[in-house]
Amino acid sequence: MPIFPRWFGWFNIWIVIIYLPGSFIALFKRGPFAWNGLLAWWIPLTLFVIWMVATTYLLLKAIERQEREASSATPLPERMAEPIAAEWSGSSV
């Protein structure tokens, strides 16, 4: 099972594309591409906050799922002993 859903990968790609106007900060002193402009500061800042919330939520959800799977799994020594016990008894697993 994947750690993150498929939409989160596409979301990350779009976030990177939307951050690109921020690279024009050095070329503009006023307007939407300036350091305090809409396209270079406010939209990327807003999307960064949304990205942080989404990433935190999905990571916590993945950790919870991993802990649940680990607690329900058979411990390693018992899994290793099963084939050996079957070999000694002459039966197959």
Protein backbone atom coordinates (compact mmCIF):
# COMPACT_ATOMS: atom_id res chain seq x y z
CA MET A 1 0.00 0.00 0.00
CA PRO A 2 1.44 3.42 -0.90
CA ILE A 3 2.41 5.79 1.88
CA PHE A 4 0.78 8.82 0.26
CA PRO A 5 -2.30 8.93 -1.97
CA ARG A 6 -1.85 9.63 -5.67
CA TRP A 7 -3.46 13.09 -5.48
CA PHE A 8 -0.74 14.24 -3.08
CA GLY A 9 1.93 13.61 -5.72
CA TRP A 10 0.05 15.74 -8.24
CA PHE A 11 -0.53 18.36 -5.55
CA ASN A 12 3.23 18.57 -4.95
CA ILE A 13 3.91 19.01 -8.67
CA TRP A 14 1.39 21.86 -8.88
CA ILE A 15 2.84 23.51 -5.79
CA VAL A 16 6.27 23.57 -7.42
CA ILE A 17 4.84 25.04 -10.63
CA ILE A 18 2.98 27.73 -8.73
CA TYR A 19 6.17 28.65 -6.80
CA LEU A 20 7.98 29.48 -10.05
CA PRO A 21 6.84 33.14 -10.25
CA GLY A 22 8.76 33.70 -7.02
CA SER A 23 11.98 33.32 -9.00
CA PHE A 24 11.29 36.70 -10.66
CA ILE A 25 11.59 38.63 -7.39
CA ALA A 26 15.04 39.96 -8.29
CA LEU A 27 13.78 41.44 -11.58
CA PHE A 28 10.82 43.49 -10.28
CA LYS A 29 10.58 46.27 -7.71
CA ARG A 30 6.80 46.80 -7.94
CA GLY A 31 3.81 44.79 -9.01
CA PRO A 32 2.68 41.20 -8.60
CA PHE A 33 6.20 39.80 -9.12
CA ALA A 34 7.87 42.06 -6.53
CA TRP A 35 9.02 40.60 -3.20
CA ASN A 36 5.72 41.60 -1.58
CA GLY A 37 3.52 41.00 -4.63
CA LEU A 38 0.59 38.68 -5.09
CA LEU A 39 2.27 36.12 -7.36
CA ALA A 40 5.67 36.06 -5.68
CA TRP A 41 4.68 36.21 -2.01
CA TRP A 42 1.01 35.86 -1.05
CA ILE A 43 -0.06 32.96 -3.25
CA PRO A 44 3.07 30.87 -2.51
CA LEU A 45 2.77 31.65 1.20
CA THR A 46 -0.86 30.55 1.28
CA LEU A 47 -0.09 27.38 -0.65
CA PHE A 48 2.86 26.62 1.63
CA VAL A 49 0.55 26.70 4.66
CA ILE A 50 -1.95 24.43 2.88
CA TRP A 51 0.90 22.09 1.87
CA MET A 52 2.20 21.93 5.45
CA VAL A 53 -1.24 21.07 6.83
CA ALA A 54 -1.83 18.39 4.16
CA THR A 55 1.64 16.88 4.60
CA THR A 56 1.34 16.80 8.39
CA TYR A 57 -2.09 15.16 8.21
CA LEU A 58 -0.99 12.53 5.68
CA LEU A 59 2.22 11.74 7.57
CA LEU A 60 0.35 11.27 10.86
CA LYS A 61 -2.17 9.07 9.09
CA ALA A 62 0.64 6.98 7.53
CA ILE A 63 2.39 6.60 10.89
CA GLU A 64 -0.86 5.48 12.51
CA ARG A 65 -1.43 2.91 9.73
CA GLN A 66 2.16 1.66 10.05
CA GLU A 67 1.82 1.24 13.82
CA ARG A 68 -1.47 -0.60 13.35
CA GLU A 69 0.12 -2.96 10.82
CA ALA A 70 3.14 -3.54 13.05
CA SER A 71 1.00 -4.39 16.06
CA SER A 72 -1.08 -6.90 14.10
CA ALA A 73 1.89 -8.59 12.43
CA THR A 74 3.37 -11.82 13.73
CA PRO A 75 6.63 -11.20 15.59
CA LEU A 76 9.74 -12.05 13.60
CA PRO A 77 11.06 -14.96 15.74
CA GLU A 78 7.76 -16.81 15.41
CA ARG A 79 7.68 -16.29 11.64
CA MET A 80 11.21 -17.65 11.38
CA ALA A 81 10.39 -20.67 13.54
CA GLU A 82 7.38 -21.80 11.45
CA PRO A 83 9.36 -23.12 8.43
CA ILE A 84 11.89 -24.79 10.72
CA ALA A 85 9.16 -26.50 12.76
CA ALA A 86 7.43 -27.65 9.55
CA GLU A 87 10.72 -29.02 8.24
CA TRP A 88 11.35 -30.97 11.43
CA SER A 89 7.88 -32.42 11.51
CA GLY A 90 8.03 -33.42 7.85
CA SER A 91 5.05 -31.34 6.76
CA SER A 92 5.02 -28.30 4.53
CA VAL A 93 3.61 -24.88 5.37
